[in-house]
Amino acid sequence: MKIIAGFMKSQFIHRINHQLLRNLPFVQKGMNNPAYKGLWCGRQERRIIHFHQVIDRLIMEDGGQVPDYK
C-alpha cells in the first residue's frame, strides 16, 4: 500500500509541477508588462521574506547593505 501511495503522490507532484512550468512563460510575460507594479505576496510568503531580511541583518551587523526584497 505504501508503494501505491508513494506512486500516487509522485504523480500528483509531477502534475502540479507540469502545470506550474506550463504557466511560467505567461507569468513572466505579465511581470515584464509596463503596467506591472510589483508582486503581491500572501501572508506565508511575507513571513519567508521577513525571515530572510532578519537573517541578512544578522549576517551584516557590521553595516553592510541589506537587500530590499519588495
C-alpha atoms as a PDB file:
ATOM      1  CA  MET A   1       0.000   0.000   0.000  1.00  0.00           C
ATOM      2  CA  LYS A   2       2.893   2.390   0.754  1.00  0.00           C
ATOM      3  CA  ILE A   3       4.287   1.872  -2.748  1.00  0.00           C
ATOM      4  CA  ILE A   4       0.947   2.757  -4.339  1.00  0.00           C
ATOM      5  CA  ALA A   5       0.550   5.820  -2.105  1.00  0.00           C
ATOM      6  CA  GLY A   6       4.096   6.937  -2.936  1.00  0.00           C
ATOM      7  CA  PHE A   7       3.452   6.468  -6.652  1.00  0.00           C
ATOM      8  CA  MET A   8       0.188   8.429  -6.488  1.00  0.00           C
ATOM      9  CA  LYS A   9       1.925  11.207  -4.565  1.00  0.00           C
ATOM     10  CA  SER A  10       4.738  11.393  -7.111  1.00  0.00           C
ATOM     11  CA  GLN A  11       2.195  11.510  -9.964  1.00  0.00           C
ATOM     12  CA  PHE A  12       0.332  14.330  -8.211  1.00  0.00           C
ATOM     13  CA  ILE A  13       3.544  16.313  -7.664  1.00  0.00           C
ATOM     14  CA  HIS A  14       4.539  15.738 -11.300  1.00  0.00           C
ATOM     15  CA  ARG A  15       1.154  17.050 -12.473  1.00  0.00           C
ATOM     16  CA  ILE A  16       1.427  20.161 -10.263  1.00  0.00           C
ATOM     17  CA  ASN A  17       4.980  20.875 -11.465  1.00  0.00           C
ATOM     18  CA  HIS A  18       3.885  20.421 -15.073  1.00  0.00           C
ATOM     19  CA  GLN A  19       1.058  22.955 -14.605  1.00  0.00           C
ATOM     20  CA  LEU A  20       3.385  25.445 -12.931  1.00  0.00           C
ATOM     21  CA  LEU A  21       6.013  25.136 -15.656  1.00  0.00           C
ATOM     22  CA  ARG A  22       3.394  25.389 -18.391  1.00  0.00           C
ATOM     23  CA  ASN A  23       2.109  28.690 -16.924  1.00  0.00           C
ATOM     24  CA  LEU A  24       5.550  30.172 -16.258  1.00  0.00           C
ATOM     25  CA  PRO A  25       6.007  31.935 -19.645  1.00  0.00           C
ATOM     26  CA  PHE A  26       2.677  33.725 -19.176  1.00  0.00           C
ATOM     27  CA  VAL A  27       3.621  34.809 -15.662  1.00  0.00           C
ATOM     28  CA  GLN A  28       6.984  36.122 -16.864  1.00  0.00           C
ATOM     29  CA  LYS A  29       5.315  37.975 -19.731  1.00  0.00           C
ATOM     30  CA  GLY A  30       2.916  39.616 -17.283  1.00  0.00           C
ATOM     31  CA  MET A  31       5.747  40.602 -14.942  1.00  0.00           C
ATOM     32  CA  ASN A  32       7.536  42.319 -17.838  1.00  0.00           C
ATOM     33  CA  ASN A  33       4.413  44.326 -18.705  1.00  0.00           C
ATOM     34  CA  PRO A  34       4.790  48.097 -18.075  1.00  0.00           C
ATOM     35  CA  ALA A  35       1.545  48.017 -16.064  1.00  0.00           C
ATOM     36  CA  TYR A  36       3.077  45.582 -13.549  1.00  0.00           C
ATOM     37  CA  LYS A  37       3.675  47.455 -10.276  1.00  0.00           C
ATOM     38  CA  GLY A  38       5.041  44.662  -8.114  1.00  0.00           C
ATOM     39  CA  LEU A  39       4.328  41.280  -6.604  1.00  0.00           C
ATOM     40  CA  TRP A  40       1.550  40.839  -4.059  1.00  0.00           C
ATOM     41  CA  CYS A  41       2.645  38.272  -1.507  1.00  0.00           C
ATOM     42  CA  GLY A  42       0.382  36.285   0.744  1.00  0.00           C
ATOM     43  CA  ARG A  43       0.867  36.062   4.490  1.00  0.00           C
ATOM     44  CA  GLN A  44       3.073  32.971   4.327  1.00  0.00           C
ATOM     45  CA  GLU A  45       5.268  34.442   1.603  1.00  0.00           C
ATOM     46  CA  ARG A  46       5.597  37.657   3.641  1.00  0.00           C
ATOM     47  CA  ARG A  47       6.820  35.598   6.593  1.00  0.00           C
ATOM     48  CA  ILE A  48       9.503  33.980   4.440  1.00  0.00           C
ATOM     49  CA  ILE A  49      10.626  37.381   3.127  1.00  0.00           C
ATOM     50  CA  HIS A  50      10.753  38.764   6.676  1.00  0.00           C
ATOM     51  CA  PHE A  51      12.763  35.733   7.804  1.00  0.00           C
ATOM     52  CA  HIS A  52      15.339  36.364   5.067  1.00  0.00           C
ATOM     53  CA  GLN A  53      15.533  40.063   5.961  1.00  0.00           C
ATOM     54  CA  VAL A  54      16.216  39.208   9.613  1.00  0.00           C
ATOM     55  CA  ILE A  55      18.917  36.707   8.633  1.00  0.00           C
ATOM     56  CA  ASP A  56      20.501  39.295   6.301  1.00  0.00           C
ATOM     57  CA  ARG A  57      20.546  41.860   9.104  1.00  0.00           C
ATOM     58  CA  LEU A  58      22.195  39.376  11.457  1.00  0.00           C
ATOM     59  CA  ILE A  59      24.826  38.467   8.875  1.00  0.00           C
ATOM     60  CA  MET A  60      25.550  42.106   8.009  1.00  0.00           C
ATOM     61  CA  GLU A  61      25.697  43.542  11.527  1.00  0.00           C
ATOM     62  CA  ASP A  62      28.872  45.406  10.601  1.00  0.00           C
ATOM     63  CA  GLY A  63      26.877  47.860   8.475  1.00  0.00           C
ATOM     64  CA  GLY A  64      26.566  46.054   5.174  1.00  0.00           C
ATOM     65  CA  GLN A  65      23.687  46.787   2.814  1.00  0.00           C
ATOM     66  CA  VAL A  66      20.634  44.601   3.431  1.00  0.00           C
ATOM     67  CA  PRO A  67      18.805  43.708   0.181  1.00  0.00           C
ATOM     68  CA  ASP A  68      15.289  45.059  -0.279  1.00  0.00           C
ATOM     69  CA  TYR A  69      13.012  42.096  -1.020  1.00  0.00           C
ATOM     70  CA  LYS A  70       9.993  44.094  -2.188  1.00  0.00           C
END
